[in-house]
N, C-alpha and C. Protein backbone atom coordinates (compact mmCIF):
# COMPACT_ATOMS: atom_id res chain seq x y z
N MET A 1 91.89 -83.00 48.75
CA MET A 1 91.63 -81.69 48.43
C MET A 1 92.85 -81.05 47.64
N ARG A 2 92.45 -80.39 46.59
CA ARG A 2 93.49 -79.70 45.76
C ARG A 2 94.08 -78.47 46.36
N ALA A 3 95.35 -78.28 46.17
CA ALA A 3 95.92 -77.09 46.75
C ALA A 3 95.50 -75.83 46.03
N LEU A 4 95.57 -74.70 46.60
CA LEU A 4 95.13 -73.46 46.06
C LEU A 4 95.96 -73.21 44.72
N TYR A 5 97.25 -73.45 44.75
CA TYR A 5 98.05 -73.18 43.56
C TYR A 5 97.55 -74.04 42.38
N GLN A 6 97.07 -75.24 42.56
CA GLN A 6 96.60 -76.13 41.47
C GLN A 6 95.27 -75.51 40.94
N VAL A 7 94.47 -75.02 41.80
CA VAL A 7 93.20 -74.42 41.28
C VAL A 7 93.53 -73.14 40.57
N ALA A 8 94.41 -72.32 41.06
CA ALA A 8 94.78 -71.11 40.34
C ALA A 8 95.37 -71.37 39.01
N GLN A 9 96.26 -72.37 38.94
CA GLN A 9 96.88 -72.69 37.72
C GLN A 9 95.88 -73.16 36.62
N GLU A 10 94.95 -74.04 37.07
CA GLU A 10 93.94 -74.57 36.17
C GLU A 10 93.04 -73.45 35.68
N TYR A 11 92.71 -72.55 36.59
CA TYR A 11 91.88 -71.46 36.31
C TYR A 11 92.45 -70.41 35.27
N THR A 12 93.74 -70.11 35.53
CA THR A 12 94.40 -69.06 34.73
C THR A 12 95.10 -69.69 33.52
N GLY A 13 95.58 -70.93 33.65
CA GLY A 13 96.30 -71.59 32.57
C GLY A 13 97.73 -71.09 32.45
N TYR A 14 98.16 -70.29 33.44
CA TYR A 14 99.51 -69.75 33.38
C TYR A 14 100.57 -70.83 33.59
N ASP A 15 101.73 -70.72 32.91
CA ASP A 15 102.76 -71.63 33.05
C ASP A 15 104.03 -70.93 33.54
N THR A 16 103.93 -69.61 33.72
CA THR A 16 105.10 -68.82 34.17
C THR A 16 104.65 -67.80 35.16
N TYR A 17 105.48 -67.57 36.15
CA TYR A 17 105.14 -66.44 37.09
C TYR A 17 106.29 -65.44 37.01
N LEU A 18 105.97 -64.17 36.88
CA LEU A 18 106.95 -63.18 36.76
C LEU A 18 106.80 -62.28 38.12
N VAL A 19 107.87 -62.27 38.86
CA VAL A 19 107.86 -61.57 40.18
C VAL A 19 108.80 -60.45 40.05
N ILE A 20 108.39 -59.21 40.42
CA ILE A 20 109.32 -58.06 40.45
C ILE A 20 109.07 -57.38 41.70
N GLY A 21 110.21 -57.16 42.47
CA GLY A 21 110.15 -56.64 43.80
C GLY A 21 110.27 -55.08 43.75
N GLY A 22 110.47 -54.50 44.87
CA GLY A 22 110.62 -53.00 45.04
C GLY A 22 111.83 -52.51 44.31
N ASN A 23 111.89 -52.45 42.99
CA ASN A 23 113.02 -52.02 42.24
C ASN A 23 112.53 -51.11 41.17
N LEU A 24 113.47 -50.28 40.74
CA LEU A 24 113.39 -49.50 39.54
C LEU A 24 114.49 -50.06 38.66
N LEU A 25 114.10 -50.69 37.57
CA LEU A 25 115.19 -51.31 36.71
C LEU A 25 114.85 -51.22 35.21
N THR A 26 115.90 -51.28 34.45
CA THR A 26 115.71 -51.40 32.99
C THR A 26 116.47 -52.63 32.53
N LEU A 27 115.65 -53.54 32.00
CA LEU A 27 116.20 -54.76 31.42
C LEU A 27 115.21 -55.26 30.44
N SER A 28 115.58 -56.23 29.57
CA SER A 28 114.76 -56.81 28.57
C SER A 28 113.97 -57.92 29.20
N LEU A 29 112.73 -57.67 29.56
CA LEU A 29 111.85 -58.79 30.08
C LEU A 29 111.66 -59.84 28.99
N ARG A 30 111.61 -59.36 27.77
CA ARG A 30 111.49 -60.31 26.60
C ARG A 30 112.66 -61.24 26.64
N GLU A 31 113.90 -60.80 26.67
CA GLU A 31 115.08 -61.66 26.69
C GLU A 31 115.05 -62.59 27.90
N MET A 32 114.70 -62.07 29.10
CA MET A 32 114.63 -62.87 30.24
C MET A 32 113.71 -63.93 30.19
N LEU A 33 112.43 -63.61 29.71
CA LEU A 33 111.43 -64.62 29.53
C LEU A 33 111.75 -65.65 28.46
N GLU A 34 112.40 -65.20 27.33
CA GLU A 34 112.87 -66.16 26.36
C GLU A 34 113.82 -67.18 26.87
N LEU A 35 114.70 -66.71 27.82
CA LEU A 35 115.64 -67.68 28.42
C LEU A 35 114.83 -68.69 29.27
N HIS A 36 113.90 -68.17 29.98
CA HIS A 36 113.05 -69.06 30.81
C HIS A 36 112.28 -70.09 29.97
N TYR A 37 111.59 -69.59 28.92
CA TYR A 37 110.85 -70.47 28.02
C TYR A 37 111.73 -71.43 27.27
N ARG A 38 112.86 -71.07 26.91
CA ARG A 38 113.76 -71.91 26.16
C ARG A 38 114.29 -73.09 27.04
N THR A 39 114.54 -72.77 28.30
CA THR A 39 115.16 -73.74 29.19
C THR A 39 114.13 -74.41 30.13
N GLY A 40 113.07 -73.74 30.47
CA GLY A 40 112.09 -74.25 31.42
C GLY A 40 112.54 -74.05 32.86
N LYS A 41 113.62 -73.39 33.03
CA LYS A 41 114.26 -73.20 34.35
C LYS A 41 113.85 -71.86 34.97
N PRO A 42 113.91 -71.70 36.26
CA PRO A 42 113.78 -70.49 36.96
C PRO A 42 114.92 -69.55 36.44
N VAL A 43 114.64 -68.31 36.26
CA VAL A 43 115.62 -67.26 35.82
C VAL A 43 115.54 -66.09 36.76
N ILE A 44 116.71 -65.69 37.24
CA ILE A 44 116.84 -64.59 38.21
C ILE A 44 117.62 -63.48 37.49
N ALA A 45 117.07 -62.27 37.57
CA ALA A 45 117.79 -61.09 37.04
C ALA A 45 118.95 -60.85 37.93
N ALA A 46 120.15 -60.70 37.30
CA ALA A 46 121.45 -60.53 38.11
C ALA A 46 122.05 -59.18 37.71
N TYR A 47 122.44 -58.41 38.71
CA TYR A 47 122.97 -57.10 38.50
C TYR A 47 124.34 -57.01 39.25
N THR A 48 125.30 -56.40 38.61
CA THR A 48 126.61 -56.17 39.24
C THR A 48 126.72 -54.80 39.90
N LEU A 49 126.94 -54.81 41.26
CA LEU A 49 127.04 -53.63 41.93
C LEU A 49 128.43 -53.08 41.76
N ARG A 50 128.64 -51.80 41.99
CA ARG A 50 130.05 -51.17 41.91
C ARG A 50 130.79 -51.62 43.16
N ASP A 51 130.17 -51.64 44.34
CA ASP A 51 130.91 -51.91 45.59
C ASP A 51 130.36 -53.11 46.27
N VAL A 52 131.24 -54.09 46.44
CA VAL A 52 130.87 -55.40 47.00
C VAL A 52 130.31 -55.26 48.44
N ARG A 53 130.70 -54.15 49.14
CA ARG A 53 130.18 -54.02 50.48
C ARG A 53 128.70 -53.75 50.53
N GLU A 54 128.17 -53.13 49.49
CA GLU A 54 126.75 -52.90 49.39
C GLU A 54 125.94 -54.23 49.18
N ALA A 55 126.61 -55.31 48.74
CA ALA A 55 125.93 -56.53 48.35
C ALA A 55 125.30 -57.20 49.59
N SER A 56 125.84 -56.94 50.79
CA SER A 56 125.34 -57.60 52.03
C SER A 56 123.83 -57.33 52.25
N ARG A 57 123.23 -56.44 51.59
CA ARG A 57 121.81 -56.10 51.74
C ARG A 57 120.91 -56.87 50.82
N TYR A 58 121.54 -57.73 49.98
CA TYR A 58 120.78 -58.42 48.85
C TYR A 58 121.23 -59.91 48.80
N GLY A 59 120.50 -60.53 47.94
CA GLY A 59 120.86 -61.92 47.64
C GLY A 59 122.11 -61.94 46.74
N VAL A 60 123.19 -62.51 47.18
CA VAL A 60 124.47 -62.49 46.46
C VAL A 60 124.68 -63.80 45.72
N ILE A 61 124.88 -63.63 44.44
CA ILE A 61 125.19 -64.75 43.57
C ILE A 61 126.77 -64.97 43.65
N GLU A 62 127.07 -65.98 44.32
CA GLU A 62 128.56 -66.18 44.63
C GLU A 62 129.29 -66.85 43.45
N SER A 63 128.57 -67.67 42.74
CA SER A 63 129.21 -68.28 41.57
C SER A 63 128.16 -68.75 40.63
N THR A 64 128.63 -68.76 39.32
CA THR A 64 127.81 -69.32 38.24
C THR A 64 128.66 -70.20 37.44
N VAL A 65 128.07 -71.17 36.79
CA VAL A 65 128.72 -72.04 35.87
C VAL A 65 127.86 -72.08 34.60
N ASP A 66 128.40 -71.39 33.53
CA ASP A 66 127.69 -71.28 32.27
C ASP A 66 126.26 -70.74 32.42
N GLY A 67 126.17 -69.73 33.29
CA GLY A 67 124.91 -69.02 33.53
C GLY A 67 124.03 -69.66 34.60
N THR A 68 124.37 -70.84 35.04
CA THR A 68 123.67 -71.51 36.11
C THR A 68 124.22 -71.03 37.43
N ILE A 69 123.27 -70.63 38.31
CA ILE A 69 123.69 -70.15 39.66
C ILE A 69 124.09 -71.30 40.50
N ALA A 70 125.31 -71.41 40.90
CA ALA A 70 125.85 -72.53 41.64
C ALA A 70 125.63 -72.22 43.11
N ARG A 71 125.68 -70.98 43.53
CA ARG A 71 125.46 -70.60 44.90
C ARG A 71 124.85 -69.23 45.10
N LEU A 72 123.89 -69.06 45.89
CA LEU A 72 123.29 -67.76 46.16
C LEU A 72 123.08 -67.68 47.66
N VAL A 73 123.53 -66.57 48.29
CA VAL A 73 123.42 -66.41 49.70
C VAL A 73 122.58 -65.12 49.94
N GLU A 74 121.50 -65.21 50.64
CA GLU A 74 120.69 -64.07 50.95
C GLU A 74 121.29 -63.24 52.10
N LYS A 75 121.56 -61.97 51.84
CA LYS A 75 122.10 -61.00 52.84
C LYS A 75 123.31 -61.54 53.66
N PRO A 76 124.33 -61.90 52.99
CA PRO A 76 125.53 -62.40 53.73
C PRO A 76 126.27 -61.25 54.50
N ARG A 77 126.88 -61.60 55.58
CA ARG A 77 127.58 -60.56 56.32
C ARG A 77 128.81 -60.11 55.54
N ASN A 78 129.53 -61.08 54.98
CA ASN A 78 130.69 -60.79 54.16
C ASN A 78 130.55 -61.30 52.72
N PRO A 79 129.93 -60.47 51.88
CA PRO A 79 129.64 -60.95 50.55
C PRO A 79 130.94 -61.31 49.77
N LYS A 80 130.89 -62.37 49.02
CA LYS A 80 132.03 -62.83 48.19
C LYS A 80 131.93 -62.45 46.77
N SER A 81 130.86 -61.61 46.49
CA SER A 81 130.69 -61.17 45.12
C SER A 81 129.87 -59.92 45.10
N ASN A 82 129.96 -59.16 43.99
CA ASN A 82 129.15 -57.99 43.84
C ASN A 82 127.99 -58.23 42.83
N LEU A 83 127.83 -59.47 42.48
CA LEU A 83 126.68 -59.93 41.64
C LEU A 83 125.49 -60.30 42.47
N ILE A 84 124.42 -59.50 42.30
CA ILE A 84 123.24 -59.72 43.19
C ILE A 84 122.07 -60.15 42.39
N ALA A 85 121.12 -60.79 43.10
CA ALA A 85 119.77 -61.12 42.56
C ALA A 85 118.92 -59.85 42.74
N ALA A 86 118.43 -59.33 41.65
CA ALA A 86 117.80 -58.07 41.66
C ALA A 86 116.30 -58.12 41.92
N CYS A 87 115.80 -59.17 42.50
CA CYS A 87 114.42 -59.33 42.91
C CYS A 87 113.48 -59.17 41.65
N CYS A 88 113.89 -59.81 40.57
CA CYS A 88 113.11 -59.95 39.35
C CYS A 88 113.28 -61.42 38.92
N TYR A 89 112.17 -62.14 38.93
CA TYR A 89 112.24 -63.66 38.70
C TYR A 89 111.29 -64.06 37.73
N ALA A 90 111.65 -64.96 36.81
CA ALA A 90 110.73 -65.63 35.95
C ALA A 90 110.77 -67.06 36.42
N LEU A 91 109.62 -67.52 36.89
CA LEU A 91 109.48 -68.82 37.62
C LEU A 91 108.56 -69.73 36.92
N PRO A 92 108.82 -71.05 36.87
CA PRO A 92 107.98 -72.01 36.22
C PRO A 92 106.71 -72.35 36.92
N ALA A 93 105.84 -73.04 36.19
CA ALA A 93 104.54 -73.41 36.75
C ALA A 93 104.57 -74.18 38.08
N ALA A 94 105.67 -74.92 38.31
CA ALA A 94 105.78 -75.76 39.55
C ALA A 94 106.15 -74.89 40.77
N THR A 95 106.39 -73.63 40.62
CA THR A 95 106.87 -72.70 41.69
C THR A 95 105.93 -72.74 42.89
N PRO A 96 104.61 -72.53 42.65
CA PRO A 96 103.73 -72.48 43.77
C PRO A 96 103.83 -73.85 44.68
N LYS A 97 104.00 -74.94 44.10
CA LYS A 97 104.19 -76.18 44.84
C LYS A 97 105.53 -76.08 45.65
N LEU A 98 106.56 -75.58 45.04
CA LEU A 98 107.82 -75.40 45.73
C LEU A 98 107.71 -74.38 46.86
N LEU A 99 106.93 -73.28 46.57
CA LEU A 99 106.76 -72.32 47.61
C LEU A 99 106.07 -72.92 48.80
N GLU A 100 105.08 -73.77 48.53
CA GLU A 100 104.36 -74.45 49.59
C GLU A 100 105.28 -75.28 50.45
N GLU A 101 106.18 -76.05 49.80
CA GLU A 101 107.19 -76.81 50.47
C GLU A 101 108.12 -75.94 51.30
N TYR A 102 108.58 -74.85 50.77
CA TYR A 102 109.38 -73.90 51.41
C TYR A 102 108.70 -73.38 52.70
N LEU A 103 107.48 -73.01 52.63
CA LEU A 103 106.77 -72.47 53.74
C LEU A 103 106.52 -73.54 54.83
N GLU A 104 106.21 -74.77 54.39
CA GLU A 104 106.07 -75.90 55.34
C GLU A 104 107.35 -76.18 56.05
N ALA A 105 108.54 -75.85 55.52
CA ALA A 105 109.76 -76.11 56.11
C ALA A 105 110.15 -74.88 56.93
N GLU A 106 109.14 -74.02 57.19
CA GLU A 106 109.29 -72.82 58.04
C GLU A 106 110.15 -71.73 57.44
N GLY A 107 110.12 -71.62 56.04
CA GLY A 107 110.78 -70.54 55.40
C GLY A 107 110.10 -69.17 55.72
N LYS A 108 110.84 -68.18 55.53
CA LYS A 108 110.35 -66.80 55.78
C LYS A 108 109.27 -66.42 54.74
N PRO A 109 108.02 -66.17 55.14
CA PRO A 109 107.01 -65.94 54.18
C PRO A 109 106.97 -64.50 53.63
N ASP A 110 107.70 -63.52 54.27
CA ASP A 110 107.61 -62.12 53.79
C ASP A 110 108.97 -61.69 53.24
N ALA A 111 109.87 -62.54 52.84
CA ALA A 111 111.15 -62.11 52.27
C ALA A 111 111.46 -63.05 51.12
N PRO A 112 111.07 -62.69 49.89
CA PRO A 112 111.22 -63.60 48.70
C PRO A 112 112.67 -64.03 48.42
N GLY A 113 113.61 -63.25 48.76
CA GLY A 113 115.03 -63.67 48.55
C GLY A 113 115.42 -64.94 49.25
N TYR A 114 114.87 -65.19 50.41
CA TYR A 114 115.15 -66.45 51.10
C TYR A 114 114.58 -67.61 50.39
N PHE A 115 113.42 -67.40 49.79
CA PHE A 115 112.82 -68.52 48.95
C PHE A 115 113.70 -68.76 47.79
N ILE A 116 114.21 -67.75 47.08
CA ILE A 116 115.07 -67.99 45.97
C ILE A 116 116.39 -68.61 46.38
N GLU A 117 116.98 -68.26 47.54
CA GLU A 117 118.19 -68.93 47.93
C GLU A 117 117.81 -70.46 48.18
N TRP A 118 116.68 -70.82 48.77
CA TRP A 118 116.25 -72.13 48.97
C TRP A 118 116.09 -72.84 47.60
N LEU A 119 115.46 -72.14 46.70
CA LEU A 119 115.14 -72.66 45.34
C LEU A 119 116.48 -73.07 44.64
N VAL A 120 117.42 -72.19 44.67
CA VAL A 120 118.66 -72.50 43.96
C VAL A 120 119.35 -73.76 44.44
N HIS A 121 119.18 -74.14 45.67
CA HIS A 121 119.78 -75.38 46.19
C HIS A 121 118.97 -76.62 45.75
N ARG A 122 117.72 -76.41 45.14
CA ARG A 122 116.89 -77.53 44.79
C ARG A 122 116.73 -77.62 43.24
N GLU A 123 116.78 -76.54 42.56
CA GLU A 123 116.47 -76.49 41.16
C GLU A 123 117.60 -75.81 40.40
N GLN A 124 117.88 -76.23 39.26
CA GLN A 124 118.87 -75.55 38.37
C GLN A 124 118.23 -74.18 38.09
N THR A 125 118.91 -73.13 38.53
CA THR A 125 118.38 -71.73 38.38
C THR A 125 119.41 -70.96 37.56
N LEU A 126 118.92 -70.18 36.59
CA LEU A 126 119.81 -69.40 35.73
C LEU A 126 119.86 -67.96 36.08
N ALA A 127 120.97 -67.32 35.83
CA ALA A 127 121.20 -65.88 36.04
C ALA A 127 121.01 -65.23 34.70
N TYR A 128 120.15 -64.19 34.65
CA TYR A 128 120.06 -63.34 33.50
C TYR A 128 120.74 -62.03 33.82
N ARG A 129 122.01 -61.84 33.41
CA ARG A 129 122.77 -60.61 33.66
C ARG A 129 122.34 -59.48 32.75
N PHE A 130 122.01 -58.32 33.43
CA PHE A 130 121.71 -57.17 32.68
C PHE A 130 122.53 -55.98 33.16
N LYS A 131 122.69 -55.07 32.26
CA LYS A 131 123.55 -53.89 32.45
C LYS A 131 122.76 -52.62 32.52
N GLY A 132 121.47 -52.63 32.58
CA GLY A 132 120.75 -51.42 32.69
C GLY A 132 120.88 -50.75 33.94
N ILE A 133 119.79 -50.00 34.26
CA ILE A 133 119.70 -49.27 35.46
C ILE A 133 119.08 -50.15 36.58
N TRP A 134 119.52 -50.09 37.78
CA TRP A 134 118.82 -50.78 38.84
C TRP A 134 118.91 -50.04 40.18
N TYR A 135 117.85 -49.69 40.75
CA TYR A 135 117.75 -49.07 42.04
C TYR A 135 116.83 -49.82 42.96
N ASP A 136 117.24 -50.07 44.15
CA ASP A 136 116.38 -50.76 45.17
C ASP A 136 115.59 -49.53 45.70
N ILE A 137 114.30 -49.60 45.49
CA ILE A 137 113.43 -48.54 46.06
C ILE A 137 112.54 -48.96 47.20
N GLY A 138 112.97 -50.03 47.80
CA GLY A 138 112.17 -50.62 48.91
C GLY A 138 112.50 -50.08 50.23
N THR A 139 113.36 -49.15 50.33
CA THR A 139 113.73 -48.51 51.63
C THR A 139 113.66 -47.00 51.45
N PRO A 140 113.38 -46.30 52.61
CA PRO A 140 113.34 -44.86 52.56
C PRO A 140 114.69 -44.25 52.14
N ARG A 141 115.77 -44.87 52.55
CA ARG A 141 117.13 -44.31 52.22
C ARG A 141 117.31 -44.36 50.73
N ALA A 142 116.99 -45.52 50.13
CA ALA A 142 117.10 -45.64 48.68
C ALA A 142 116.24 -44.67 47.90
């Protein structure tokens, strides 16, 4: 039996998934997608917060090498960086299969940042740094 993601991909013909979470942001989706299409790699929008203490609420990109995310930690107690994953992702066609593996490994189904943390450990993932506006609008406080 074919998996649902295989049926969906054959039906739609899509080779890229664009995921945008509860954010208000200004960035060039064109540039971000061009990076994804040029490399074929997952691309994560990366935003620099003013205060590193605020980063503990997000996926923290602890290090990059030439734009490749070397380490990403979701909601760390003591963030080592103020560069965060802004819940805007350009993901390749194989992502649903990876998502299925993640969920079978008992990954959290309702928190996409943990999937991205898992993905960074398995696939070369790129950071698309942007300087526009970013607000997390996923909480009443925000």
